[in-house]
Protein backbone atom coordinates (compact mmCIF):
# COMPACT_ATOMS: atom_id res chain seq x y z
CA UNK A 1 0.00 0.00 0.00
CA UNK A 2 1.26 3.45 -0.94
CA UNK A 3 0.62 6.59 1.06
CA UNK A 4 1.50 10.14 0.14
CA UNK A 5 0.60 13.72 1.10
CA UNK A 6 0.10 16.62 -1.32
CA UNK A 7 -0.25 20.34 -0.56
CA UNK A 8 -3.25 21.94 -2.28
CA UNK A 9 -3.00 25.61 -3.25
CA UNK A 10 -5.98 27.35 -1.68
CA UNK A 11 -5.45 30.37 -3.96
CA UNK A 12 -6.46 28.24 -6.94
CA UNK A 13 -8.87 25.61 -5.60
CA UNK A 14 -11.87 26.13 -3.34
CA UNK A 15 -12.54 23.88 -0.39
CA UNK A 16 -15.95 22.98 -1.87
CA UNK A 17 -14.42 21.68 -5.10
CA UNK A 18 -11.74 19.64 -3.33
CA UNK A 19 -14.31 18.20 -0.92
CA UNK A 20 -16.58 17.19 -3.81
CA UNK A 21 -13.66 15.53 -5.61
CA UNK A 22 -12.74 13.63 -2.42
CA UNK A 23 -16.29 12.25 -2.26
CA UNK A 24 -16.25 11.34 -5.95
CA UNK A 25 -12.89 9.54 -5.63
CA UNK A 26 -13.80 7.69 -2.43
CA UNK A 27 -14.19 4.37 -4.26
CA UNK A 28 -10.75 4.64 -5.86
CA UNK A 29 -8.59 5.44 -2.84
CA UNK A 30 -8.65 6.43 0.79
CA UNK A 31 -8.37 10.22 0.54
CA UNK A 32 -8.39 12.63 3.47
CA UNK A 33 -8.42 16.40 2.99
CA UNK A 34 -7.30 18.42 6.01
CA UNK A 35 -5.57 21.79 6.44
CA UNK A 36 -5.09 22.06 2.66
CA UNK A 37 -3.23 18.76 2.51
CA UNK A 38 -4.54 15.82 0.55
CA UNK A 39 -3.51 12.46 2.02
CA UNK A 40 -3.93 9.57 -0.40
CA UNK A 41 -3.57 5.90 0.48
CA UNK A 42 -4.07 3.18 -2.12
CA UNK A 43 -2.79 -0.06 -3.58
CA UNK A 44 -2.61 1.74 -6.93
CA UNK A 45 -0.14 4.41 -8.07
CA UNK A 46 -0.76 7.31 -5.68
CA UNK A 47 0.88 9.86 -8.00
CA UNK A 48 -1.42 8.83 -10.84
CA UNK A 49 -4.46 9.05 -8.56
CA UNK A 50 -3.38 12.55 -7.50
CA UNK A 51 -2.93 13.65 -11.13
CA UNK A 52 -6.39 12.37 -12.08
CA UNK A 53 -7.85 13.91 -8.93
CA UNK A 54 -6.46 17.32 -9.83
CA UNK A 55 -7.65 17.02 -13.45
CA UNK A 56 -11.10 16.22 -12.11
CA UNK A 57 -10.92 19.18 -9.69
CA UNK A 58 -10.09 21.51 -12.58
CA UNK A 59 -13.08 20.15 -14.52
CA UNK A 60 -15.33 20.80 -11.50
CA UNK A 61 -13.91 24.31 -11.20
CA UNK A 62 -14.66 24.99 -14.87
CA UNK A 63 -18.28 23.88 -14.39
CA UNK A 64 -18.91 26.62 -11.80
PDB file of N, CA and C in Angstrom:
ATOM      1  N   UNK A   1       0.839  -1.175   0.000  1.00  0.00           N
ATOM      2  CA  UNK A   1       0.000   0.000   0.000  1.00  0.00           C
ATOM      3  C   UNK A   1       0.885   1.239   0.000  1.00  0.00           C
ATOM      4  N   UNK A   2       0.538   2.183  -0.857  1.00  0.00           N
ATOM      5  CA  UNK A   2       1.260   3.446  -0.937  1.00  0.00           C
ATOM      6  C   UNK A   2       0.488   4.529  -0.197  1.00  0.00           C
ATOM      7  N   UNK A   3       1.227   5.462   0.366  1.00  0.00           N
ATOM      8  CA  UNK A   3       0.615   6.592   1.056  1.00  0.00           C
ATOM      9  C   UNK A   3       1.459   7.826   0.790  1.00  0.00           C
ATOM     10  N   UNK A   4       0.775   8.920   0.454  1.00  0.00           N
ATOM     11  CA  UNK A   4       1.499  10.141   0.139  1.00  0.00           C
ATOM     12  C   UNK A   4       0.630  11.354   0.451  1.00  0.00           C
ATOM     13  N   UNK A   5       1.283  12.470   0.773  1.00  0.00           N
ATOM     14  CA  UNK A   5       0.604  13.717   1.096  1.00  0.00           C
ATOM     15  C   UNK A   5       0.933  14.769   0.048  1.00  0.00           C
ATOM     16  N   UNK A   6      -0.069  15.566  -0.320  1.00  0.00           N
ATOM     17  CA  UNK A   6       0.105  16.616  -1.324  1.00  0.00           C
ATOM     18  C   UNK A   6      -0.485  17.908  -0.789  1.00  0.00           C
ATOM     19  N   UNK A   7       0.232  19.013  -0.961  1.00  0.00           N
ATOM     20  CA  UNK A   7      -0.250  20.338  -0.560  1.00  0.00           C
ATOM     21  C   UNK A   7      -1.128  20.881  -1.678  1.00  0.00           C
ATOM     22  N   UNK A   8      -2.321  21.356  -1.320  1.00  0.00           N
ATOM     23  CA  UNK A   8      -3.249  21.938  -2.282  1.00  0.00           C
ATOM     24  C   UNK A   8      -3.200  23.458  -2.142  1.00  0.00           C
ATOM     25  N   UNK A   9      -3.073  24.155  -3.255  1.00  0.00           N
ATOM     26  CA  UNK A   9      -2.998  25.613  -3.252  1.00  0.00           C
ATOM     27  C   UNK A   9      -4.397  26.201  -3.086  1.00  0.00           C
ATOM     28  N   UNK A  10      -4.658  26.807  -1.933  1.00  0.00           N
ATOM     29  CA  UNK A  10      -5.983  27.347  -1.680  1.00  0.00           C
ATOM     30  C   UNK A  10      -6.237  28.664  -2.421  1.00  0.00           C
ATOM     31  N   UNK A  11      -5.249  29.193  -3.113  1.00  0.00           N
ATOM     32  CA  UNK A  11      -5.452  30.367  -3.955  1.00  0.00           C
ATOM     33  C   UNK A  11      -6.065  29.978  -5.298  1.00  0.00           C
ATOM     34  N   UNK A  12      -5.957  28.721  -5.646  1.00  0.00           N
ATOM     35  CA  UNK A  12      -6.460  28.238  -6.936  1.00  0.00           C
ATOM     36  C   UNK A  12      -7.734  27.435  -6.757  1.00  0.00           C
ATOM     37  N   UNK A  13      -7.765  26.544  -5.782  1.00  0.00           N
ATOM     38  CA  UNK A  13      -8.874  25.606  -5.599  1.00  0.00           C
ATOM     39  C   UNK A  13      -9.702  25.987  -4.378  1.00  0.00           C
ATOM     40  N   UNK A  14     -11.007  25.864  -4.499  1.00  0.00           N
ATOM     41  CA  UNK A  14     -11.869  26.127  -3.344  1.00  0.00           C
ATOM     42  C   UNK A  14     -12.032  24.845  -2.531  1.00  0.00           C
ATOM     43  N   UNK A  15     -12.335  25.028  -1.281  1.00  0.00           N
ATOM     44  CA  UNK A  15     -12.541  23.882  -0.390  1.00  0.00           C
ATOM     45  C   UNK A  15     -13.736  23.042  -0.854  1.00  0.00           C
ATOM     46  N   UNK A  16     -14.768  23.697  -1.380  1.00  0.00           N
ATOM     47  CA  UNK A  16     -15.952  22.979  -1.866  1.00  0.00           C
ATOM     48  C   UNK A  16     -15.611  22.034  -3.016  1.00  0.00           C
ATOM     49  N   UNK A  17     -14.790  22.497  -3.948  1.00  0.00           N
ATOM     50  CA  UNK A  17     -14.415  21.675  -5.099  1.00  0.00           C
ATOM     51  C   UNK A  17     -13.566  20.492  -4.659  1.00  0.00           C
ATOM     52  N   UNK A  18     -12.596  20.727  -3.803  1.00  0.00           N
ATOM     53  CA  UNK A  18     -11.743  19.635  -3.329  1.00  0.00           C
ATOM     54  C   UNK A  18     -12.567  18.628  -2.538  1.00  0.00           C
ATOM     55  N   UNK A  19     -13.462  19.107  -1.699  1.00  0.00           N
ATOM     56  CA  UNK A  19     -14.311  18.203  -0.917  1.00  0.00           C
ATOM     57  C   UNK A  19     -15.203  17.351  -1.814  1.00  0.00           C
ATOM     58  N   UNK A  20     -15.751  17.956  -2.870  1.00  0.00           N
ATOM     59  CA  UNK A  20     -16.577  17.193  -3.806  1.00  0.00           C
ATOM     60  C   UNK A  20     -15.747  16.126  -4.521  1.00  0.00           C
ATOM     61  N   UNK A  21     -14.546  16.485  -4.933  1.00  0.00           N
ATOM     62  CA  UNK A  21     -13.663  15.531  -5.607  1.00  0.00           C
ATOM     63  C   UNK A  21     -13.281  14.383  -4.672  1.00  0.00           C
ATOM     64  N   UNK A  22     -13.059  14.680  -3.402  1.00  0.00           N
ATOM     65  CA  UNK A  22     -12.744  13.629  -2.419  1.00  0.00           C
ATOM     66  C   UNK A  22     -13.899  12.637  -2.349  1.00  0.00           C
ATOM     67  N   UNK A  23     -15.115  13.138  -2.283  1.00  0.00           N
ATOM     68  CA  UNK A  23     -16.287  12.252  -2.260  1.00  0.00           C
ATOM     69  C   UNK A  23     -16.367  11.408  -3.526  1.00  0.00           C
ATOM     70  N   UNK A  24     -16.144  12.034  -4.665  1.00  0.00           N
ATOM     71  CA  UNK A  24     -16.246  11.336  -5.946  1.00  0.00           C
ATOM     72  C   UNK A  24     -15.152  10.291  -6.140  1.00  0.00           C
ATOM     73  N   UNK A  25     -14.009  10.473  -5.505  1.00  0.00           N
ATOM     74  CA  UNK A  25     -12.888   9.539  -5.630  1.00  0.00           C
ATOM     75  C   UNK A  25     -12.843   8.525  -4.491  1.00  0.00           C
ATOM     76  N   UNK A  26     -13.839   8.530  -3.628  1.00  0.00           N
ATOM     77  CA  UNK A  26     -13.797   7.686  -2.435  1.00  0.00           C
ATOM     78  C   UNK A  26     -13.754   6.187  -2.738  1.00  0.00           C
ATOM     79  N   UNK A  27     -14.232   5.785  -3.902  1.00  0.00           N
ATOM     80  CA  UNK A  27     -14.191   4.366  -4.257  1.00  0.00           C
ATOM     81  C   UNK A  27     -12.835   3.954  -4.847  1.00  0.00           C
ATOM     82  N   UNK A  28     -12.039   4.919  -5.218  1.00  0.00           N
ATOM     83  CA  UNK A  28     -10.752   4.639  -5.861  1.00  0.00           C
ATOM     84  C   UNK A  28      -9.625   4.534  -4.843  1.00  0.00           C
ATOM     85  N   UNK A  29      -9.674   5.400  -3.831  1.00  0.00           N
ATOM     86  CA  UNK A  29      -8.589   5.443  -2.842  1.00  0.00           C
ATOM     87  C   UNK A  29      -9.113   6.018  -1.535  1.00  0.00           C
ATOM     88  N   UNK A  30      -8.361   5.795  -0.484  1.00  0.00           N
ATOM     89  CA  UNK A  30      -8.648   6.430   0.791  1.00  0.00           C
ATOM     90  C   UNK A  30      -8.018   7.821   0.737  1.00  0.00           C
ATOM     91  N   UNK A  31      -8.861   8.854   0.675  1.00  0.00           N
ATOM     92  CA  UNK A  31      -8.372  10.224   0.542  1.00  0.00           C
ATOM     93  C   UNK A  31      -8.924  11.057   1.694  1.00  0.00           C
ATOM     94  N   UNK A  32      -8.015  11.742   2.374  1.00  0.00           N
ATOM     95  CA  UNK A  32      -8.393  12.628   3.471  1.00  0.00           C
ATOM     96  C   UNK A  32      -7.882  14.022   3.139  1.00  0.00           C
ATOM     97  N   UNK A  33      -8.763  15.002   3.245  1.00  0.00           N
ATOM     98  CA  UNK A  33      -8.421  16.400   2.992  1.00  0.00           C
ATOM     99  C   UNK A  33      -8.500  17.162   4.304  1.00  0.00           C
ATOM    100  N   UNK A  34      -7.355  17.701   4.741  1.00  0.00           N
ATOM    101  CA  UNK A  34      -7.302  18.424   6.010  1.00  0.00           C
ATOM    102  C   UNK A  34      -6.203  19.478   5.965  1.00  0.00           C
ATOM    103  N   UNK A  35      -6.538  20.690   6.383  1.00  0.00           N
ATOM    104  CA  UNK A  35      -5.567  21.793   6.438  1.00  0.00           C
ATOM    105  C   UNK A  35      -4.855  21.998   5.107  1.00  0.00           C
ATOM    106  N   UNK A  36      -5.597  21.876   4.028  1.00  0.00           N
ATOM    107  CA  UNK A  36      -5.092  22.063   2.661  1.00  0.00           C
ATOM    108  C   UNK A  36      -4.031  21.047   2.258  1.00  0.00           C
ATOM    109  N   UNK A  37      -4.042  19.900   2.919  1.00  0.00           N
ATOM    110  CA  UNK A  37      -3.230  18.761   2.514  1.00  0.00           C
ATOM    111  C   UNK A  37      -4.163  17.625   2.122  1.00  0.00           C
ATOM    112  N   UNK A  38      -3.801  16.972   1.036  1.00  0.00           N
ATOM    113  CA  UNK A  38      -4.543  15.819   0.551  1.00  0.00           C
ATOM    114  C   UNK A  38      -3.699  14.593   0.838  1.00  0.00           C
ATOM    115  N   UNK A  39      -4.210  13.698   1.675  1.00  0.00           N
ATOM    116  CA  UNK A  39      -3.511  12.463   2.021  1.00  0.00           C
ATOM    117  C   UNK A  39      -4.181  11.320   1.278  1.00  0.00           C
ATOM    118  N   UNK A  40      -3.402  10.650   0.435  1.00  0.00           N
ATOM    119  CA  UNK A  40      -3.934   9.571  -0.398  1.00  0.00           C
ATOM    120  C   UNK A  40      -3.249   8.268  -0.018  1.00  0.00           C
ATOM    121  N   UNK A  41      -4.072   7.234   0.180  1.00  0.00           N
ATOM    122  CA  UNK A  41      -3.573   5.895   0.485  1.00  0.00           C
ATOM    123  C   UNK A  41      -4.272   4.919  -0.448  1.00  0.00           C
ATOM    124  N   UNK A  42      -3.480   4.105  -1.150  1.00  0.00           N
ATOM    125  CA  UNK A  42      -4.068   3.182  -2.116  1.00  0.00           C
ATOM    126  C   UNK A  42      -3.074   2.091  -2.491  1.00  0.00           C
ATOM    127  N   UNK A  43      -3.627   0.993  -3.017  1.00  0.00           N
ATOM    128  CA  UNK A  43      -2.788  -0.061  -3.585  1.00  0.00           C
ATOM    129  C   UNK A  43      -2.313   0.314  -4.987  1.00  0.00           C
ATOM    130  N   UNK A  44      -2.979   1.290  -5.589  1.00  0.00           N
ATOM    131  CA  UNK A  44      -2.613   1.740  -6.934  1.00  0.00           C
ATOM    132  C   UNK A  44      -1.596   2.869  -6.847  1.00  0.00           C
ATOM    133  N   UNK A  45      -1.133   3.338  -7.986  1.00  0.00           N
ATOM    134  CA  UNK A  45      -0.137   4.410  -8.071  1.00  0.00           C
ATOM    135  C   UNK A  45      -0.723   5.713  -7.519  1.00  0.00           C
ATOM    136  N   UNK A  46      -0.241   6.134  -6.365  1.00  0.00           N
ATOM    137  CA  UNK A  46      -0.763   7.315  -5.680  1.00  0.00           C
ATOM    138  C   UNK A  46      -0.524   8.585  -6.503  1.00  0.00           C
ATOM    139  N   UNK A  47       0.613   8.684  -7.170  1.00  0.00           N
ATOM    140  CA  UNK A  47       0.883   9.862  -7.997  1.00  0.00           C
ATOM    141  C   UNK A  47      -0.116   9.963  -9.147  1.00  0.00           C
ATOM    142  N   UNK A  48      -0.451   8.846  -9.747  1.00  0.00           N
ATOM    143  CA  UNK A  48      -1.423   8.834 -10.842  1.00  0.00           C
ATOM    144  C   UNK A  48      -2.816   9.206 -10.331  1.00  0.00           C
ATOM    145  N   UNK A  49      -3.177   8.693  -9.166  1.00  0.00           N
ATOM    146  CA  UNK A  49      -4.462   9.053  -8.560  1.00  0.00           C
ATOM    147  C   UNK A  49      -4.509  10.551  -8.300  1.00  0.00           C
ATOM    148  N   UNK A  50      -3.427  11.111  -7.764  1.00  0.00           N
ATOM    149  CA  UNK A  50      -3.377  12.551  -7.500  1.00  0.00           C
ATOM    150  C   UNK A  50      -3.528  13.344  -8.799  1.00  0.00           C
ATOM    151  N   UNK A  51      -2.829  12.933  -9.846  1.00  0.00           N
ATOM    152  CA  UNK A  51      -2.932  13.649 -11.126  1.00  0.00           C
ATOM    153  C   UNK A  51      -4.362  13.622 -11.666  1.00  0.00           C
ATOM    154  N   UNK A  52      -4.999  12.478 -11.611  1.00  0.00           N
ATOM    155  CA  UNK A  52      -6.386  12.370 -12.076  1.00  0.00           C
ATOM    156  C   UNK A  52      -7.322  13.164 -11.168  1.00  0.00           C
ATOM    157  N   UNK A  53      -7.057  13.145  -9.883  1.00  0.00           N
ATOM    158  CA  UNK A  53      -7.849  13.906  -8.926  1.00  0.00           C
ATOM    159  C   UNK A  53      -7.792  15.395  -9.254  1.00  0.00           C
ATOM    160  N   UNK A  54      -6.599  15.902  -9.526  1.00  0.00           N
ATOM    161  CA  UNK A  54      -6.456  17.323  -9.827  1.00  0.00           C
ATOM    162  C   UNK A  54      -7.086  17.674 -11.183  1.00  0.00           C
ATOM    163  N   UNK A  55      -6.971  16.796 -12.169  1.00  0.00           N
ATOM    164  CA  UNK A  55      -7.649  17.025 -13.449  1.00  0.00           C
ATOM    165  C   UNK A  55      -9.153  17.112 -13.231  1.00  0.00           C
ATOM    166  N   UNK A  56      -9.682  16.229 -12.415  1.00  0.00           N
ATOM    167  CA  UNK A  56     -11.102  16.224 -12.105  1.00  0.00           C
ATOM    168  C   UNK A  56     -11.492  17.509 -11.363  1.00  0.00           C
ATOM    169  N   UNK A  57     -10.658  17.951 -10.435  1.00  0.00           N
ATOM    170  CA  UNK A  57     -10.917  19.183  -9.685  1.00  0.00           C
ATOM    171  C   UNK A  57     -10.961  20.389 -10.616  1.00  0.00           C
ATOM    172  N   UNK A  58     -10.080  20.422 -11.594  1.00  0.00           N
ATOM    173  CA  UNK A  58     -10.091  21.510 -12.584  1.00  0.00           C
ATOM    174  C   UNK A  58     -11.386  21.474 -13.382  1.00  0.00           C
ATOM    175  N   UNK A  59     -11.814  20.284 -13.776  1.00  0.00           N
ATOM    176  CA  UNK A  59     -13.076  20.149 -14.522  1.00  0.00           C
ATOM    177  C   UNK A  59     -14.249  20.649 -13.668  1.00  0.00           C
ATOM    178  N   UNK A  60     -14.280  20.300 -12.387  1.00  0.00           N
ATOM    179  CA  UNK A  60     -15.325  20.797 -11.503  1.00  0.00           C
ATOM    180  C   UNK A  60     -15.271  22.321 -11.406  1.00  0.00           C
ATOM    181  N   UNK A  61     -14.089  22.858 -11.282  1.00  0.00           N
ATOM    182  CA  UNK A  61     -13.913  24.310 -11.203  1.00  0.00           C
ATOM    183  C   UNK A  61     -14.463  24.985 -12.464  1.00  0.00           C
ATOM    184  N   UNK A  62     -14.195  24.408 -13.609  1.00  0.00           N
ATOM    185  CA  UNK A  62     -14.656  24.993 -14.865  1.00  0.00           C
ATOM    186  C   UNK A  62     -16.170  24.919 -15.032  1.00  0.00           C
ATOM    187  N   UNK A  63     -16.819  23.992 -14.333  1.00  0.00           N
ATOM    188  CA  UNK A  63     -18.275  23.878 -14.393  1.00  0.00           C
ATOM    189  C   UNK A  63     -18.973  25.004 -13.635  1.00  0.00           C
ATOM    190  N   UNK A  64     -18.287  25.565 -12.625  1.00  0.00           N
ATOM    191  CA  UNK A  64     -18.909  26.615 -11.800  1.00  0.00           C
ATOM    192  C   UNK A  64     -18.849  27.956 -12.448  1.00  0.00           C
TER     193      UNK A  64
END
